[in-house]
Amino acid sequence: MSSSTRAIFGMSCAKFHDANFAAIGYNPIESFFLEDRQMRSVIKFVAPALAAMIALAAIVQIAAAGDDKPKATTGTIKGTVKGEDGKAVANVNVRLFRPRMGGPRGPATQPASPQLAQPDEGAKPAPHPGPGGGPGGARPAPLKTAVTDADGKFTMDDIAPGEYRIRAGEFGQAMGRAMITVKAGETANIDLVLAAAPPAPAAPPQ
């Protein structure tokens, strides 16, 4: 086939395709731009939804990571020591103790025979607890200690949950006492007011 014949054949095919496209109302160029506009419209609506899904997944992952952290098993005590005038007191020793063991006692055990039970001659009398709760007058050691700062504030960390006695000041001087409850993962706040110690009783006349 000569070159002129091929040119004529190509032009005929092009006219045939153009005629068919015109018959069905199809324009390749217009169709290309139409599909491009449709694709952009789809991207315009899909992109925000995809971004929202990614953000939600990130939030869920952060929340899950937060749940994996170990929970606190101890608590904290924060407080302020003030004088009777309401002003903060600095450099005051604050001590934390377990509550004293006490409470009402049950009924005494009676001996099996009607005769009175005889004490064991070899037994030694039990030591009388002193004012601090320990045997022979020994005061119990504090579980935690702290000293108030210039603003009268103090902090005690790593306290096991439970009931405690807290005391500020020294024996024979102004003191403040209170009971406090510590919970795991929480901070217990307390204000202690130093009250003047009562005067010592007068000695009996000789």
C-alpha atoms as a PDB file:
ATOM      1  CA  MET A   1       0.000   0.000   0.000  1.00  0.00           C
ATOM      2  CA  SER A   2       1.417   3.325  -1.026  1.00  0.00           C
ATOM      3  CA  SER A   3       1.822   6.238   1.350  1.00  0.00           C
ATOM      4  CA  SER A   4      -0.948   8.198  -0.289  1.00  0.00           C
ATOM      5  CA  THR A   5      -3.277   5.229   0.056  1.00  0.00           C
ATOM      6  CA  ARG A   6      -2.441   4.898   3.728  1.00  0.00           C
ATOM      7  CA  ALA A   7      -3.093   8.598   4.297  1.00  0.00           C
ATOM      8  CA  ILE A   8      -6.465   8.367   2.593  1.00  0.00           C
ATOM      9  CA  PHE A   9      -7.325   5.251   4.617  1.00  0.00           C
ATOM     10  CA  GLY A  10      -6.352   6.972   7.897  1.00  0.00           C
ATOM     11  CA  MET A  11      -8.434  10.035   7.139  1.00  0.00           C
ATOM     12  CA  SER A  12     -11.399   7.798   6.313  1.00  0.00           C
ATOM     13  CA  CYS A  13     -11.065   5.967   9.631  1.00  0.00           C
ATOM     14  CA  ALA A  14     -10.826   9.219  11.533  1.00  0.00           C
ATOM     15  CA  LYS A  15     -13.917  10.572   9.843  1.00  0.00           C
ATOM     16  CA  PHE A  16     -15.682   7.270  10.542  1.00  0.00           C
ATOM     17  CA  HIS A  17     -14.831   7.433  14.276  1.00  0.00           C
ATOM     18  CA  ASP A  18     -15.764  11.105  14.468  1.00  0.00           C
ATOM     19  CA  ALA A  19     -19.064  10.348  12.806  1.00  0.00           C
ATOM     20  CA  ASN A  20     -19.771   7.511  15.219  1.00  0.00           C
ATOM     21  CA  PHE A  21     -18.826   9.645  18.258  1.00  0.00           C
ATOM     22  CA  ALA A  22     -21.050  12.427  16.958  1.00  0.00           C
ATOM     23  CA  ALA A  23     -23.883   9.972  16.433  1.00  0.00           C
ATOM     24  CA  ILE A  24     -23.779   8.820  20.056  1.00  0.00           C
ATOM     25  CA  GLY A  25     -22.998  12.273  21.471  1.00  0.00           C
ATOM     26  CA  TYR A  26     -19.520  11.342  22.765  1.00  0.00           C
ATOM     27  CA  ASN A  27     -16.663  13.809  22.759  1.00  0.00           C
ATOM     28  CA  PRO A  28     -13.368  12.331  23.972  1.00  0.00           C
ATOM     29  CA  ILE A  29     -11.923  15.688  25.038  1.00  0.00           C
ATOM     30  CA  GLU A  30     -15.026  16.767  26.915  1.00  0.00           C
ATOM     31  CA  SER A  31     -15.247  13.307  28.464  1.00  0.00           C
ATOM     32  CA  PHE A  32     -11.667  13.582  29.742  1.00  0.00           C
ATOM     33  CA  PHE A  33     -12.292  16.892  31.490  1.00  0.00           C
ATOM     34  CA  LEU A  34     -15.633  15.644  32.839  1.00  0.00           C
ATOM     35  CA  GLU A  35     -13.995  12.590  34.389  1.00  0.00           C
ATOM     36  CA  ASP A  36     -11.271  14.811  35.846  1.00  0.00           C
ATOM     37  CA  ARG A  37     -13.889  17.061  37.506  1.00  0.00           C
ATOM     38  CA  GLN A  38     -15.709  14.027  38.902  1.00  0.00           C
ATOM     39  CA  MET A  39     -12.500  12.618  40.317  1.00  0.00           C
ATOM     40  CA  ARG A  40     -11.715  15.916  42.002  1.00  0.00           C
ATOM     41  CA  SER A  41     -15.205  16.009  43.491  1.00  0.00           C
ATOM     42  CA  VAL A  42     -14.736  12.519  44.913  1.00  0.00           C
ATOM     43  CA  ILE A  43     -11.346  13.448  46.375  1.00  0.00           C
ATOM     44  CA  LYS A  44     -12.858  16.626  47.843  1.00  0.00           C
ATOM     45  CA  PHE A  45     -15.405  14.611  49.840  1.00  0.00           C
ATOM     46  CA  VAL A  46     -13.250  11.580  50.637  1.00  0.00           C
ATOM     47  CA  ALA A  47     -10.156  13.446  51.895  1.00  0.00           C
ATOM     48  CA  PRO A  48     -11.829  15.002  55.007  1.00  0.00           C
ATOM     49  CA  ALA A  49     -13.433  11.677  55.934  1.00  0.00           C
ATOM     50  CA  LEU A  50     -10.083   9.898  55.584  1.00  0.00           C
ATOM     51  CA  ALA A  51      -8.362  12.546  57.729  1.00  0.00           C
ATOM     52  CA  ALA A  52     -11.045  12.179  60.411  1.00  0.00           C
ATOM     53  CA  MET A  53     -10.595   8.406  60.457  1.00  0.00           C
ATOM     54  CA  ILE A  54      -6.809   8.786  60.873  1.00  0.00           C
ATOM     55  CA  ALA A  55      -7.283  11.271  63.740  1.00  0.00           C
ATOM     56  CA  LEU A  56      -9.773   8.962  65.453  1.00  0.00           C
ATOM     57  CA  ALA A  57      -7.370   6.043  65.177  1.00  0.00           C
ATOM     58  CA  ALA A  58      -4.612   8.156  66.734  1.00  0.00           C
ATOM     59  CA  ILE A  59      -6.872   9.170  69.641  1.00  0.00           C
ATOM     60  CA  VAL A  60      -7.823   5.552  70.293  1.00  0.00           C
ATOM     61  CA  GLN A  61      -4.163   4.531  70.270  1.00  0.00           C
ATOM     62  CA  ILE A  62      -3.222   7.291  72.729  1.00  0.00           C
ATOM     63  CA  ALA A  63      -6.082   6.327  75.049  1.00  0.00           C
ATOM     64  CA  ALA A  64      -5.026   2.688  74.950  1.00  0.00           C
ATOM     65  CA  ALA A  65      -1.439   3.658  75.766  1.00  0.00           C
ATOM     66  CA  GLY A  66      -2.702   5.678  78.752  1.00  0.00           C
ATOM     67  CA  ASP A  67      -4.601   2.663  80.097  1.00  0.00           C
ATOM     68  CA  ASP A  68      -1.417   0.600  79.986  1.00  0.00           C
ATOM     69  CA  LYS A  69       0.273   2.841  82.570  1.00  0.00           C
ATOM     70  CA  PRO A  70       0.514   1.260  86.028  1.00  0.00           C
ATOM     71  CA  LYS A  71      -1.963   2.640  88.522  1.00  0.00           C
ATOM     72  CA  ALA A  72      -0.654   4.389  91.614  1.00  0.00           C
ATOM     73  CA  THR A  73      -0.640   2.295  94.783  1.00  0.00           C
ATOM     74  CA  THR A  74       0.273   5.104  97.192  1.00  0.00           C
ATOM     75  CA  GLY A  75      -1.016   8.540  98.050  1.00  0.00           C
ATOM     76  CA  THR A  76       0.316  11.953  99.045  1.00  0.00           C
ATOM     77  CA  ILE A  77      -0.281  14.262 101.993  1.00  0.00           C
ATOM     78  CA  LYS A  78      -0.035  18.010 101.561  1.00  0.00           C
ATOM     79  CA  GLY A  79      -0.754  20.474 104.305  1.00  0.00           C
ATOM     80  CA  THR A  80      -0.137  23.793 105.989  1.00  0.00           C
ATOM     81  CA  VAL A  81       0.798  24.483 109.592  1.00  0.00           C
ATOM     82  CA  LYS A  82      -0.581  27.685 111.116  1.00  0.00           C
ATOM     83  CA  GLY A  83      -0.495  29.350 114.475  1.00  0.00           C
ATOM     84  CA  GLU A  84      -3.509  30.294 116.548  1.00  0.00           C
ATOM     85  CA  ASP A  85      -3.374  33.703 114.863  1.00  0.00           C
ATOM     86  CA  GLY A  86      -3.926  32.038 111.467  1.00  0.00           C
ATOM     87  CA  LYS A  87      -0.443  32.826 110.157  1.00  0.00           C
ATOM     88  CA  ALA A  88       1.740  30.185 108.549  1.00  0.00           C
ATOM     89  CA  VAL A  89       4.561  28.828 110.691  1.00  0.00           C
ATOM     90  CA  ALA A  90       7.882  27.812 109.128  1.00  0.00           C
ATOM     91  CA  ASN A  91      10.419  25.190 110.244  1.00  0.00           C
ATOM     92  CA  VAL A  92       7.896  23.050 112.111  1.00  0.00           C
ATOM     93  CA  ASN A  93       8.456  19.302 112.324  1.00  0.00           C
ATOM     94  CA  VAL A  94       5.514  17.250 111.045  1.00  0.00           C
ATOM     95  CA  ARG A  95       5.297  13.524 111.811  1.00  0.00           C
ATOM     96  CA  LEU A  96       3.008  10.780 110.574  1.00  0.00           C
ATOM     97  CA  PHE A  97       1.994   7.809 112.756  1.00  0.00           C
ATOM     98  CA  ARG A  98      -0.233   4.797 112.576  1.00  0.00           C
ATOM     99  CA  PRO A  99      -3.392   5.185 114.676  1.00  0.00           C
ATOM    100  CA  ARG A 100      -3.169   3.911 118.222  1.00  0.00           C
ATOM    101  CA  MET A 101      -4.460   0.418 118.806  1.00  0.00           C
ATOM    102  CA  GLY A 102      -7.361   0.620 121.224  1.00  0.00           C
ATOM    103  CA  GLY A 103     -11.098   0.546 121.545  1.00  0.00           C
ATOM    104  CA  PRO A 104     -13.491  -1.224 123.895  1.00  0.00           C
ATOM    105  CA  ARG A 105     -12.294  -4.510 125.275  1.00  0.00           C
ATOM    106  CA  GLY A 106     -14.372  -7.672 125.325  1.00  0.00           C
ATOM    107  CA  PRO A 107     -15.575  -9.424 128.518  1.00  0.00           C
ATOM    108  CA  ALA A 108     -12.858 -10.822 130.760  1.00  0.00           C
ATOM    109  CA  THR A 109     -12.384 -14.604 130.669  1.00  0.00           C
ATOM    110  CA  GLN A 110     -13.576 -16.280 133.895  1.00  0.00           C
ATOM    111  CA  PRO A 111     -11.687 -19.263 135.429  1.00  0.00           C
ATOM    112  CA  ALA A 112     -13.319 -22.682 135.105  1.00  0.00           C
ATOM    113  CA  SER A 113     -13.410 -23.329 138.885  1.00  0.00           C
ATOM    114  CA  PRO A 114     -15.211 -21.084 141.364  1.00  0.00           C
ATOM    115  CA  GLN A 115     -11.878 -20.359 143.071  1.00  0.00           C
ATOM    116  CA  LEU A 116      -9.915 -17.313 141.965  1.00  0.00           C
ATOM    117  CA  ALA A 117      -7.139 -18.007 139.510  1.00  0.00           C
ATOM    118  CA  GLN A 118      -3.716 -17.827 141.140  1.00  0.00           C
ATOM    119  CA  PRO A 119      -1.020 -15.811 139.380  1.00  0.00           C
ATOM    120  CA  ASP A 120       2.064 -17.613 138.158  1.00  0.00           C
ATOM    121  CA  GLU A 121       4.894 -16.815 140.581  1.00  0.00           C
ATOM    122  CA  GLY A 122       7.497 -17.062 137.830  1.00  0.00           C
ATOM    123  CA  ALA A 123       5.658 -14.756 135.440  1.00  0.00           C
ATOM    124  CA  LYS A 124       6.874 -11.187 135.059  1.00  0.00           C
ATOM    125  CA  PRO A 125       4.399  -8.324 134.957  1.00  0.00           C
ATOM    126  CA  ALA A 126       3.849  -6.866 131.523  1.00  0.00           C
ATOM    127  CA  PRO A 127       5.407  -3.419 131.010  1.00  0.00           C
ATOM    128  CA  HIS A 128       2.986  -0.562 131.299  1.00  0.00           C
ATOM    129  CA  PRO A 129       2.606   1.359 128.056  1.00  0.00           C
ATOM    130  CA  GLY A 130       3.853   4.887 128.277  1.00  0.00           C
ATOM    131  CA  PRO A 131       2.166   8.039 127.002  1.00  0.00           C
ATOM    132  CA  GLY A 132       3.476   7.395 123.510  1.00  0.00           C
ATOM    133  CA  GLY A 133       1.899   3.958 123.222  1.00  0.00           C
ATOM    134  CA  GLY A 134       5.143   1.975 123.428  1.00  0.00           C
ATOM    135  CA  PRO A 135       6.272  -0.230 126.300  1.00  0.00           C
ATOM    136  CA  GLY A 136       8.039   1.496 129.162  1.00  0.00           C
ATOM    137  CA  GLY A 137       7.121   4.973 127.885  1.00  0.00           C
ATOM    138  CA  ALA A 138       8.924   4.648 124.515  1.00  0.00           C
ATOM    139  CA  ARG A 139       7.244   6.684 121.823  1.00  0.00           C
ATOM    140  CA  PRO A 140       6.546   5.013 118.448  1.00  0.00           C
ATOM    141  CA  ALA A 141       8.777   6.018 115.565  1.00  0.00           C
ATOM    142  CA  PRO A 142       7.083   8.131 112.890  1.00  0.00           C
ATOM    143  CA  LEU A 143       6.402   6.582 109.497  1.00  0.00           C
ATOM    144  CA  LYS A 144       7.133   9.840 107.674  1.00  0.00           C
ATOM    145  CA  THR A 145       8.553  13.222 108.647  1.00  0.00           C
ATOM    146  CA  ALA A 146       8.582  16.625 107.011  1.00  0.00           C
ATOM    147  CA  VAL A 147       9.499  20.223 107.835  1.00  0.00           C
ATOM    148  CA  THR A 148       7.355  23.193 106.852  1.00  0.00           C
ATOM    149  CA  ASP A 149       8.782  25.705 104.398  1.00  0.00           C
ATOM    150  CA  ALA A 150       8.654  29.495 104.612  1.00  0.00           C
ATOM    151  CA  ASP A 151       4.931  29.398 103.752  1.00  0.00           C
ATOM    152  CA  GLY A 152       4.157  26.779 106.401  1.00  0.00           C
ATOM    153  CA  LYS A 153       3.582  24.090 103.769  1.00  0.00           C
ATOM    154  CA  PHE A 154       4.779  20.481 103.776  1.00  0.00           C
ATOM    155  CA  THR A 155       4.467  17.373 101.589  1.00  0.00           C
ATOM    156  CA  MET A 156       4.695  13.656 102.323  1.00  0.00           C
ATOM    157  CA  ASP A 157       4.898  11.272  99.364  1.00  0.00           C
ATOM    158  CA  ASP A 158       4.559   7.507  98.892  1.00  0.00           C
ATOM    159  CA  ILE A 159       2.069   6.954 101.707  1.00  0.00           C
ATOM    160  CA  ALA A 160       0.287   3.605 101.751  1.00  0.00           C
ATOM    161  CA  PRO A 161      -3.527   3.893 101.807  1.00  0.00           C
ATOM    162  CA  GLY A 162      -5.058   3.915 105.269  1.00  0.00           C
ATOM    163  CA  GLU A 163      -5.818   5.921 108.411  1.00  0.00           C
ATOM    164  CA  TYR A 164      -3.056   7.910 110.086  1.00  0.00           C
ATOM    165  CA  ARG A 165      -2.327  10.297 112.918  1.00  0.00           C
ATOM    166  CA  ILE A 166      -0.442  13.420 111.931  1.00  0.00           C
ATOM    167  CA  ARG A 167       1.237  15.740 114.388  1.00  0.00           C
ATOM    168  CA  ALA A 168       2.981  19.087 114.037  1.00  0.00           C
ATOM    169  CA  GLY A 169       5.196  20.621 116.712  1.00  0.00           C
ATOM    170  CA  GLU A 170       6.944  19.194 119.758  1.00  0.00           C
ATOM    171  CA  PHE A 171       5.834  17.889 123.131  1.00  0.00           C
ATOM    172  CA  GLY A 172       5.790  20.613 125.760  1.00  0.00           C
ATOM    173  CA  GLN A 173       5.371  23.259 123.043  1.00  0.00           C
ATOM    174  CA  ALA A 174       2.620  24.340 120.691  1.00  0.00           C
ATOM    175  CA  MET A 175       1.260  21.313 118.827  1.00  0.00           C
ATOM    176  CA  GLY A 176      -1.374  20.444 116.272  1.00  0.00           C
ATOM    177  CA  ARG A 177      -2.841  16.970 115.797  1.00  0.00           C
ATOM    178  CA  ALA A 178      -5.387  15.383 113.478  1.00  0.00           C
ATOM    179  CA  MET A 179      -6.490  12.142 111.855  1.00  0.00           C
ATOM    180  CA  ILE A 180      -6.133  11.822 108.101  1.00  0.00           C
ATOM    181  CA  THR A 181      -7.146   9.258 105.475  1.00  0.00           C
ATOM    182  CA  VAL A 182      -4.871   8.498 102.520  1.00  0.00           C
ATOM    183  CA  LYS A 183      -6.186   6.930  99.301  1.00  0.00           C
ATOM    184  CA  ALA A 184      -4.176   5.432  96.444  1.00  0.00           C
ATOM    185  CA  GLY A 185      -3.500   7.845  93.605  1.00  0.00           C
ATOM    186  CA  GLU A 186      -4.944  10.827  95.513  1.00  0.00           C
ATOM    187  CA  THR A 187      -3.632  13.768  97.523  1.00  0.00           C
ATOM    188  CA  ALA A 188      -4.999  14.341 101.022  1.00  0.00           C
ATOM    189  CA  ASN A 189      -4.919  17.989 102.104  1.00  0.00           C
ATOM    190  CA  ILE A 190      -4.911  19.090 105.716  1.00  0.00           C
ATOM    191  CA  ASP A 191      -4.397  22.238 107.803  1.00  0.00           C
ATOM    192  CA  LEU A 192      -2.837  21.891 111.251  1.00  0.00           C
ATOM    193  CA  VAL A 193      -3.207  24.636 113.848  1.00  0.00           C
ATOM    194  CA  LEU A 194      -0.628  24.849 116.605  1.00  0.00           C
ATOM    195  CA  ALA A 195      -2.243  25.197 120.006  1.00  0.00           C
ATOM    196  CA  ALA A 196      -0.266  26.219 123.088  1.00  0.00           C
ATOM    197  CA  ALA A 197       0.522  23.380 125.446  1.00  0.00           C
ATOM    198  CA  PRO A 198      -1.479  23.463 128.740  1.00  0.00           C
ATOM    199  CA  PRO A 199       0.525  24.503 131.815  1.00  0.00           C
ATOM    200  CA  ALA A 200       2.037  21.717 133.881  1.00  0.00           C
ATOM    201  CA  PRO A 201       0.086  20.869 137.055  1.00  0.00           C
ATOM    202  CA  ALA A 202       1.463  22.353 140.261  1.00  0.00           C
ATOM    203  CA  ALA A 203       3.400  20.053 142.538  1.00  0.00           C
ATOM    204  CA  PRO A 204       1.497  18.963 145.681  1.00  0.00           C
ATOM    205  CA  PRO A 205       2.609  20.649 148.897  1.00  0.00           C
ATOM    206  CA  GLN A 206       5.065  18.701 151.023  1.00  0.00           C
END
